[in-house]
């Protein structure tokens, strides 16, 4: 991860552009914390927290994946709610996951995260991808760091630009 250390935002909007190779898997973490990485103990930049998932193959792009935590808490095309330790409940669907995956391009893509209290909205290229309502107060992070992930695995290139953050 490349970790922004100038704050630990709680409620915010984050806008940025990314581009990733077809073999790449990465993400944009938020409300996250640095944690030890059991796979590579010398890695001082592992994070746990919410993640706007992105990948060049478009299998996961737009999902809300809680890195080193509760895993997939929001899947694209769905509004999900987390209560207690149960798996997320699907409240509604607003699109087909496969069709929404085509929203991502091989060129620059615009991400817009709208994070307010317990509601986490992921938008890609102007299209809503997922909404997560996290009512698990004991386990949800209220604030945290923002980090740009470069996932382990095959060689890849991930680029980020035009990063803008607005906090409340």
C-alpha atoms as a PDB file:
ATOM      1  CA  UNK A   1       0.000   0.000   0.000  1.00  0.00           C
ATOM      2  CA  UNK A   2       0.866   3.611  -0.494  1.00  0.00           C
ATOM      3  CA  UNK A   3      -0.640   5.134   2.649  1.00  0.00           C
ATOM      4  CA  UNK A   4      -1.760   8.742   3.055  1.00  0.00           C
ATOM      5  CA  UNK A   5      -0.716   9.783   6.558  1.00  0.00           C
ATOM      6  CA  UNK A   6      -2.054  13.340   6.821  1.00  0.00           C
ATOM      7  CA  UNK A   7      -5.341  12.328   8.440  1.00  0.00           C
ATOM      8  CA  UNK A   8      -7.849   9.647   9.383  1.00  0.00           C
ATOM      9  CA  UNK A   9     -11.074  10.759   7.706  1.00  0.00           C
ATOM     10  CA  UNK A  10     -14.439   9.657   8.997  1.00  0.00           C
ATOM     11  CA  UNK A  11     -17.051  11.162   6.642  1.00  0.00           C
ATOM     12  CA  UNK A  12     -15.698  12.150   3.239  1.00  0.00           C
ATOM     13  CA  UNK A  13     -15.822  11.999  -0.522  1.00  0.00           C
ATOM     14  CA  UNK A  14     -12.806  10.733  -2.408  1.00  0.00           C
ATOM     15  CA  UNK A  15     -12.415  11.141  -6.145  1.00  0.00           C
ATOM     16  CA  UNK A  16      -9.545   9.788  -8.194  1.00  0.00           C
ATOM     17  CA  UNK A  17      -8.646   8.210 -11.503  1.00  0.00           C
ATOM     18  CA  UNK A  18      -6.944   4.850 -11.861  1.00  0.00           C
ATOM     19  CA  UNK A  19      -5.606   2.674 -14.640  1.00  0.00           C
ATOM     20  CA  UNK A  20      -4.549  -0.960 -14.224  1.00  0.00           C
ATOM     21  CA  UNK A  21      -3.146  -3.703 -16.444  1.00  0.00           C
ATOM     22  CA  UNK A  22      -5.345  -6.671 -17.353  1.00  0.00           C
ATOM     23  CA  UNK A  23      -3.490  -8.951 -14.931  1.00  0.00           C
ATOM     24  CA  UNK A  24      -3.689  -6.513 -12.039  1.00  0.00           C
ATOM     25  CA  UNK A  25      -5.647  -6.726  -8.805  1.00  0.00           C
ATOM     26  CA  UNK A  26      -5.615  -3.778  -6.463  1.00  0.00           C
ATOM     27  CA  UNK A  27      -7.839  -1.500  -4.440  1.00  0.00           C
ATOM     28  CA  UNK A  28      -8.403   1.776  -2.651  1.00  0.00           C
ATOM     29  CA  UNK A  29      -8.576   1.283   1.094  1.00  0.00           C
ATOM     30  CA  UNK A  30     -10.326   3.705   3.426  1.00  0.00           C
ATOM     31  CA  UNK A  31     -11.173   3.838   7.128  1.00  0.00           C
ATOM     32  CA  UNK A  32      -8.241   1.455   7.353  1.00  0.00           C
ATOM     33  CA  UNK A  33      -5.417   0.719   9.770  1.00  0.00           C
ATOM     34  CA  UNK A  34      -1.919  -0.646   9.318  1.00  0.00           C
ATOM     35  CA  UNK A  35      -1.656  -4.249  10.473  1.00  0.00           C
ATOM     36  CA  UNK A  36       1.049  -6.916  10.507  1.00  0.00           C
ATOM     37  CA  UNK A  37       1.092  -9.063   7.373  1.00  0.00           C
ATOM     38  CA  UNK A  38       1.440 -12.750   8.363  1.00  0.00           C
ATOM     39  CA  UNK A  39       2.414 -13.756   4.803  1.00  0.00           C
ATOM     40  CA  UNK A  40       5.236 -11.231   4.475  1.00  0.00           C
ATOM     41  CA  UNK A  41       6.236 -10.099   8.006  1.00  0.00           C
ATOM     42  CA  UNK A  42       8.695  -7.491   6.680  1.00  0.00           C
ATOM     43  CA  UNK A  43       5.807  -5.702   4.907  1.00  0.00           C
ATOM     44  CA  UNK A  44       5.148  -2.591   6.988  1.00  0.00           C
ATOM     45  CA  UNK A  45       2.400  -1.342   4.710  1.00  0.00           C
ATOM     46  CA  UNK A  46      -0.375  -3.961   5.021  1.00  0.00           C
ATOM     47  CA  UNK A  47      -3.823  -2.581   5.836  1.00  0.00           C
ATOM     48  CA  UNK A  48      -7.120  -3.754   7.246  1.00  0.00           C
ATOM     49  CA  UNK A  49     -10.318  -1.943   6.327  1.00  0.00           C
ATOM     50  CA  UNK A  50     -12.844  -1.162   3.635  1.00  0.00           C
ATOM     51  CA  UNK A  51     -11.666  -1.318   0.044  1.00  0.00           C
ATOM     52  CA  UNK A  52     -13.005  -0.194  -3.308  1.00  0.00           C
ATOM     53  CA  UNK A  53     -11.905  -3.288  -5.180  1.00  0.00           C
ATOM     54  CA  UNK A  54     -10.425  -2.879  -8.643  1.00  0.00           C
ATOM     55  CA  UNK A  55      -8.897  -5.342 -11.056  1.00  0.00           C
ATOM     56  CA  UNK A  56      -8.002  -5.424 -14.721  1.00  0.00           C
ATOM     57  CA  UNK A  57     -10.120  -8.507 -15.404  1.00  0.00           C
ATOM     58  CA  UNK A  58     -13.199  -6.686 -13.999  1.00  0.00           C
ATOM     59  CA  UNK A  59     -14.215  -9.607 -11.765  1.00  0.00           C
ATOM     60  CA  UNK A  60     -14.287  -7.528  -8.575  1.00  0.00           C
ATOM     61  CA  UNK A  61     -14.259  -3.890  -9.632  1.00  0.00           C
ATOM     62  CA  UNK A  62     -16.638  -1.764  -7.546  1.00  0.00           C
ATOM     63  CA  UNK A  63     -17.130  -4.321  -4.773  1.00  0.00           C
ATOM     64  CA  UNK A  64     -16.620  -3.342  -1.151  1.00  0.00           C
ATOM     65  CA  UNK A  65     -14.049  -5.783   0.192  1.00  0.00           C
ATOM     66  CA  UNK A  66     -12.938  -5.467   3.792  1.00  0.00           C
ATOM     67  CA  UNK A  67      -9.239  -6.286   3.521  1.00  0.00           C
ATOM     68  CA  UNK A  68      -8.052  -8.632   6.306  1.00  0.00           C
ATOM     69  CA  UNK A  69     -11.510  -8.347   7.859  1.00  0.00           C
ATOM     70  CA  UNK A  70     -15.034  -9.448   6.988  1.00  0.00           C
ATOM     71  CA  UNK A  71     -14.117  -9.884   3.273  1.00  0.00           C
ATOM     72  CA  UNK A  72     -16.884  -9.071   0.724  1.00  0.00           C
ATOM     73  CA  UNK A  73     -19.257  -6.748   2.568  1.00  0.00           C
ATOM     74  CA  UNK A  74     -20.799  -5.231  -0.585  1.00  0.00           C
ATOM     75  CA  UNK A  75     -21.034  -6.704  -4.064  1.00  0.00           C
ATOM     76  CA  UNK A  76     -21.601  -4.588  -7.160  1.00  0.00           C
ATOM     77  CA  UNK A  77     -25.211  -4.240  -8.166  1.00  0.00           C
ATOM     78  CA  UNK A  78     -26.376  -4.676  -4.573  1.00  0.00           C
ATOM     79  CA  UNK A  79     -27.329  -2.667  -1.525  1.00  0.00           C
ATOM     80  CA  UNK A  80     -26.197  -4.697   1.474  1.00  0.00           C
ATOM     81  CA  UNK A  81     -26.598  -4.320   5.221  1.00  0.00           C
ATOM     82  CA  UNK A  82     -24.295  -5.714   7.875  1.00  0.00           C
ATOM     83  CA  UNK A  83     -25.746  -6.471  11.308  1.00  0.00           C
ATOM     84  CA  UNK A  84     -23.685  -8.178  13.995  1.00  0.00           C
ATOM     85  CA  UNK A  85     -21.462 -11.043  12.925  1.00  0.00           C
ATOM     86  CA  UNK A  86     -23.867 -12.396  10.296  1.00  0.00           C
ATOM     87  CA  UNK A  87     -22.974 -12.269   6.591  1.00  0.00           C
ATOM     88  CA  UNK A  88     -24.201  -9.134   4.784  1.00  0.00           C
ATOM     89  CA  UNK A  89     -27.907  -9.158   3.893  1.00  0.00           C
ATOM     90  CA  UNK A  90     -28.934  -8.072   0.382  1.00  0.00           C
ATOM     91  CA  UNK A  91     -31.586  -5.365   0.786  1.00  0.00           C
ATOM     92  CA  UNK A  92     -31.976  -4.644  -2.917  1.00  0.00           C
ATOM     93  CA  UNK A  93     -30.373  -5.070  -6.304  1.00  0.00           C
ATOM     94  CA  UNK A  94     -30.042  -2.273  -8.829  1.00  0.00           C
ATOM     95  CA  UNK A  95     -28.074  -3.949 -11.617  1.00  0.00           C
ATOM     96  CA  UNK A  96     -26.428  -7.102 -12.875  1.00  0.00           C
ATOM     97  CA  UNK A  97     -22.884  -7.633 -11.595  1.00  0.00           C
ATOM     98  CA  UNK A  98     -21.534  -8.755 -14.985  1.00  0.00           C
ATOM     99  CA  UNK A  99     -23.023  -5.780 -16.824  1.00  0.00           C
ATOM    100  CA  UNK A 100     -21.786  -3.316 -14.196  1.00  0.00           C
ATOM    101  CA  UNK A 101     -18.316  -4.825 -14.568  1.00  0.00           C
ATOM    102  CA  UNK A 102     -18.200  -3.486 -18.115  1.00  0.00           C
ATOM    103  CA  UNK A 103     -18.296   0.042 -16.639  1.00  0.00           C
ATOM    104  CA  UNK A 104     -14.518  -0.202 -16.134  1.00  0.00           C
ATOM    105  CA  UNK A 105     -12.282   0.449 -19.127  1.00  0.00           C
ATOM    106  CA  UNK A 106      -8.705  -0.416 -20.063  1.00  0.00           C
ATOM    107  CA  UNK A 107      -7.899   3.303 -19.883  1.00  0.00           C
ATOM    108  CA  UNK A 108      -8.397   5.789 -17.044  1.00  0.00           C
ATOM    109  CA  UNK A 109     -11.407   5.186 -14.776  1.00  0.00           C
ATOM    110  CA  UNK A 110     -13.003   7.687 -12.389  1.00  0.00           C
ATOM    111  CA  UNK A 111     -13.729   6.493  -8.835  1.00  0.00           C
ATOM    112  CA  UNK A 112     -16.022   8.401  -6.494  1.00  0.00           C
ATOM    113  CA  UNK A 113     -16.388   7.167  -2.922  1.00  0.00           C
ATOM    114  CA  UNK A 114     -19.132   8.698  -0.789  1.00  0.00           C
ATOM    115  CA  UNK A 115     -18.568   7.670   2.820  1.00  0.00           C
ATOM    116  CA  UNK A 116     -20.983   9.021   5.446  1.00  0.00           C
ATOM    117  CA  UNK A 117     -21.505   7.529   8.872  1.00  0.00           C
ATOM    118  CA  UNK A 118     -22.411   3.869   8.246  1.00  0.00           C
ATOM    119  CA  UNK A 119     -23.243   4.197   4.526  1.00  0.00           C
ATOM    120  CA  UNK A 120     -20.519   3.464   1.978  1.00  0.00           C
ATOM    121  CA  UNK A 121     -21.214   4.176  -1.707  1.00  0.00           C
ATOM    122  CA  UNK A 122     -18.883   3.125  -4.532  1.00  0.00           C
ATOM    123  CA  UNK A 123     -19.274   4.872  -7.898  1.00  0.00           C
ATOM    124  CA  UNK A 124     -17.230   4.122 -11.028  1.00  0.00           C
ATOM    125  CA  UNK A 125     -17.299   6.258 -14.168  1.00  0.00           C
ATOM    126  CA  UNK A 126     -20.531   7.875 -12.985  1.00  0.00           C
ATOM    127  CA  UNK A 127     -22.349   4.579 -12.253  1.00  0.00           C
ATOM    128  CA  UNK A 128     -23.285   3.339  -8.817  1.00  0.00           C
ATOM    129  CA  UNK A 129     -21.493   0.043  -8.218  1.00  0.00           C
ATOM    130  CA  UNK A 130     -22.323  -0.919  -4.623  1.00  0.00           C
ATOM    131  CA  UNK A 131     -23.839   0.425  -1.425  1.00  0.00           C
ATOM    132  CA  UNK A 132     -22.953  -0.995   1.974  1.00  0.00           C
ATOM    133  CA  UNK A 133     -24.842  -0.069   5.139  1.00  0.00           C
ATOM    134  CA  UNK A 134     -22.695  -1.195   8.049  1.00  0.00           C
ATOM    135  CA  UNK A 135     -24.824  -1.420  11.201  1.00  0.00           C
ATOM    136  CA  UNK A 136     -22.237  -3.584  12.969  1.00  0.00           C
ATOM    137  CA  UNK A 137     -21.084  -0.780  15.282  1.00  0.00           C
ATOM    138  CA  UNK A 138     -18.751  -3.042  17.255  1.00  0.00           C
ATOM    139  CA  UNK A 139     -16.742  -4.072  14.183  1.00  0.00           C
ATOM    140  CA  UNK A 140     -17.017  -1.181  11.732  1.00  0.00           C
ATOM    141  CA  UNK A 141     -14.194   1.319  11.619  1.00  0.00           C
ATOM    142  CA  UNK A 142     -15.431   4.867  12.225  1.00  0.00           C
ATOM    143  CA  UNK A 143     -12.349   6.481  10.674  1.00  0.00           C
ATOM    144  CA  UNK A 144      -8.958   5.524   9.356  1.00  0.00           C
ATOM    145  CA  UNK A 145      -6.235   5.856   6.809  1.00  0.00           C
ATOM    146  CA  UNK A 146      -6.544   5.883   3.035  1.00  0.00           C
ATOM    147  CA  UNK A 147      -4.233   3.659   1.030  1.00  0.00           C
ATOM    148  CA  UNK A 148      -3.683   2.648  -2.577  1.00  0.00           C
ATOM    149  CA  UNK A 149      -3.001  -1.067  -2.896  1.00  0.00           C
ATOM    150  CA  UNK A 150      -0.740  -2.895  -5.303  1.00  0.00           C
ATOM    151  CA  UNK A 151      -1.746  -6.511  -4.781  1.00  0.00           C
ATOM    152  CA  UNK A 152       0.748  -9.355  -4.664  1.00  0.00           C
ATOM    153  CA  UNK A 153       0.704 -11.683  -7.650  1.00  0.00           C
ATOM    154  CA  UNK A 154       1.724 -11.523 -11.288  1.00  0.00           C
ATOM    155  CA  UNK A 155       3.511  -8.427 -12.622  1.00  0.00           C
ATOM    156  CA  UNK A 156       1.162  -5.489 -13.051  1.00  0.00           C
ATOM    157  CA  UNK A 157       1.027  -1.759 -13.333  1.00  0.00           C
ATOM    158  CA  UNK A 158      -1.414   0.345 -11.301  1.00  0.00           C
ATOM    159  CA  UNK A 159      -1.573   4.116 -11.725  1.00  0.00           C
ATOM    160  CA  UNK A 160      -3.510   6.731  -9.745  1.00  0.00           C
ATOM    161  CA  UNK A 161      -3.968  10.416 -10.524  1.00  0.00           C
ATOM    162  CA  UNK A 162      -6.180  13.446  -9.787  1.00  0.00           C
ATOM    163  CA  UNK A 163      -6.741  12.429  -6.166  1.00  0.00           C
ATOM    164  CA  UNK A 164      -9.196  14.762  -4.387  1.00  0.00           C
ATOM    165  CA  UNK A 165     -10.502  14.411  -0.837  1.00  0.00           C
ATOM    166  CA  UNK A 166     -13.311  16.389   0.789  1.00  0.00           C
ATOM    167  CA  UNK A 167     -14.002  15.792   4.473  1.00  0.00           C
ATOM    168  CA  UNK A 168     -16.825  16.921   6.760  1.00  0.00           C
END
